Amino acid sequence: MKSTGLSGVGENTEGMAIPHAPRVVIRPATLGLLLVGVALVALGVVYVVTPAQSLPSLVPGHDPTGRHHIKHGLAAFTAAVATWVAAWFTTAPRSAP
C-alpha cells in the first residue's frame, strides 16, 4: 500500500510494523480531579466578576466594601491548574502484565 507522507512522495508501508501507543487508563480519580478543576475555574470566575458584597454565602470573602477578590480568583485558577496536572499524572499507561 502506498501512502503519501509530508514530502508528498509515495512511501511503501506494507510489511512495516507500526507500534501501538500504550493504552491510557482513565481512572475514577482522574474524572474526579477534572471535575474539581472545572469547579475551581467556576469559583475563580465568581471571585473575579462578582463584587465582594454580592458573593454567595457559600463562598468565603464577603466584604461590605464591594471590592473584587482578584487574588482569591487567581488562587482558584492556580488550584484548578494543579488539579488538572494531578489528573494528568493519574492517566499513566497500564503496566505490562
Protein backbone atom coordinates (compact mmCIF):
# COMPACT_ATOMS: atom_id res chain seq x y z
CA MET A 1 0.00 0.00 0.00
CA LYS A 2 1.37 3.41 -0.92
CA SER A 3 0.80 6.47 1.21
CA THR A 4 1.98 9.99 0.78
CA GLY A 5 3.99 11.42 3.61
CA LEU A 6 4.72 15.04 4.38
CA SER A 7 7.01 15.28 1.37
CA GLY A 8 4.24 14.18 -0.99
CA VAL A 9 6.34 11.25 -2.24
CA GLY A 10 4.73 7.82 -2.09
CA GLU A 11 6.09 5.55 0.62
CA ASN A 12 5.65 1.82 0.82
CA THR A 13 4.14 0.95 4.20
CA GLU A 14 3.40 -2.74 3.56
CA GLY A 15 5.20 -5.02 5.92
CA MET A 16 6.13 -2.22 8.30
CA ALA A 17 5.28 -2.89 11.90
CA ILE A 18 3.72 0.21 13.36
CA PRO A 19 3.96 0.04 17.15
CA HIS A 20 0.77 0.70 19.01
CA ALA A 21 0.64 3.51 21.51
CA PRO A 22 0.19 2.39 25.11
CA ARG A 23 -3.38 2.36 26.34
CA VAL A 24 -4.13 5.25 28.66
CA VAL A 25 -6.26 4.34 31.64
CA ILE A 26 -8.84 6.87 32.81
CA ARG A 27 -9.38 6.17 36.48
CA PRO A 28 -12.21 7.47 38.68
CA ALA A 29 -9.68 9.71 40.44
CA THR A 30 -8.88 11.30 37.08
CA LEU A 31 -12.51 12.17 36.44
CA GLY A 32 -12.89 13.48 39.98
CA LEU A 33 -9.85 15.72 39.64
CA LEU A 34 -11.06 17.04 36.30
CA LEU A 35 -14.44 17.92 37.81
CA VAL A 36 -12.81 19.60 40.82
CA GLY A 37 -10.69 21.64 38.39
CA VAL A 38 -13.77 22.79 36.49
CA ALA A 39 -15.45 23.74 39.77
CA LEU A 40 -12.38 25.73 40.80
CA VAL A 41 -12.39 27.61 37.49
CA ALA A 42 -16.05 28.46 38.05
CA LEU A 43 -15.22 29.64 41.58
CA GLY A 44 -12.36 31.75 40.22
CA VAL A 45 -14.70 33.40 37.72
CA VAL A 46 -17.18 34.14 40.52
CA TYR A 47 -14.41 35.74 42.59
CA VAL A 48 -13.15 37.89 39.72
CA VAL A 49 -16.52 39.01 38.34
CA THR A 50 -18.66 39.40 41.47
CA PRO A 51 -18.13 42.23 43.99
CA ALA A 52 -17.31 41.01 47.50
CA GLN A 53 -20.59 42.30 48.93
CA SER A 54 -22.54 40.18 46.41
CA LEU A 55 -20.66 36.90 46.86
CA PRO A 56 -22.82 33.86 47.61
CA SER A 57 -22.91 32.79 51.24
CA LEU A 58 -21.13 29.50 50.41
CA VAL A 59 -18.05 31.38 49.23
CA PRO A 60 -15.75 32.91 51.85
CA GLY A 61 -14.76 36.52 51.36
CA HIS A 62 -17.97 38.51 51.80
CA ASP A 63 -16.90 42.10 52.36
CA PRO A 64 -19.24 45.12 52.60
CA THR A 65 -16.68 47.40 50.85
CA GLY A 66 -17.69 45.96 47.48
CA ARG A 67 -14.24 45.36 46.01
CA HIS A 68 -13.42 42.33 43.87
CA HIS A 69 -11.27 39.46 45.16
CA ILE A 70 -8.76 39.16 42.33
CA LYS A 71 -6.23 37.29 44.49
CA HIS A 72 -8.86 34.75 45.54
CA GLY A 73 -9.73 34.24 41.88
CA LEU A 74 -6.09 33.77 40.90
CA ALA A 75 -5.65 31.28 43.72
CA ALA A 76 -8.68 29.32 42.50
CA PHE A 77 -7.33 29.32 38.92
CA THR A 78 -3.93 28.12 40.18
CA ALA A 79 -5.56 25.36 42.21
CA ALA A 80 -7.54 24.32 39.10
CA VAL A 81 -4.33 24.00 37.08
CA ALA A 82 -2.76 21.99 39.90
CA THR A 83 -5.70 19.57 39.97
CA TRP A 84 -5.53 19.17 36.18
CA VAL A 85 -1.81 18.38 36.41
CA ALA A 86 -2.61 15.83 39.12
CA ALA A 87 -5.32 14.35 36.85
CA TRP A 88 -2.77 14.11 34.06
CA PHE A 89 -0.41 12.17 36.31
CA THR A 90 -3.19 9.67 37.13
CA THR A 91 -3.55 8.74 33.45
CA ALA A 92 -0.36 6.67 33.34
CA PRO A 93 -0.28 3.84 30.81
CA ARG A 94 -1.32 0.45 32.04
CA SER A 95 1.66 -1.56 33.26
CA ALA A 96 2.61 -4.68 31.33
CA PRO A 97 1.32 -7.92 32.88
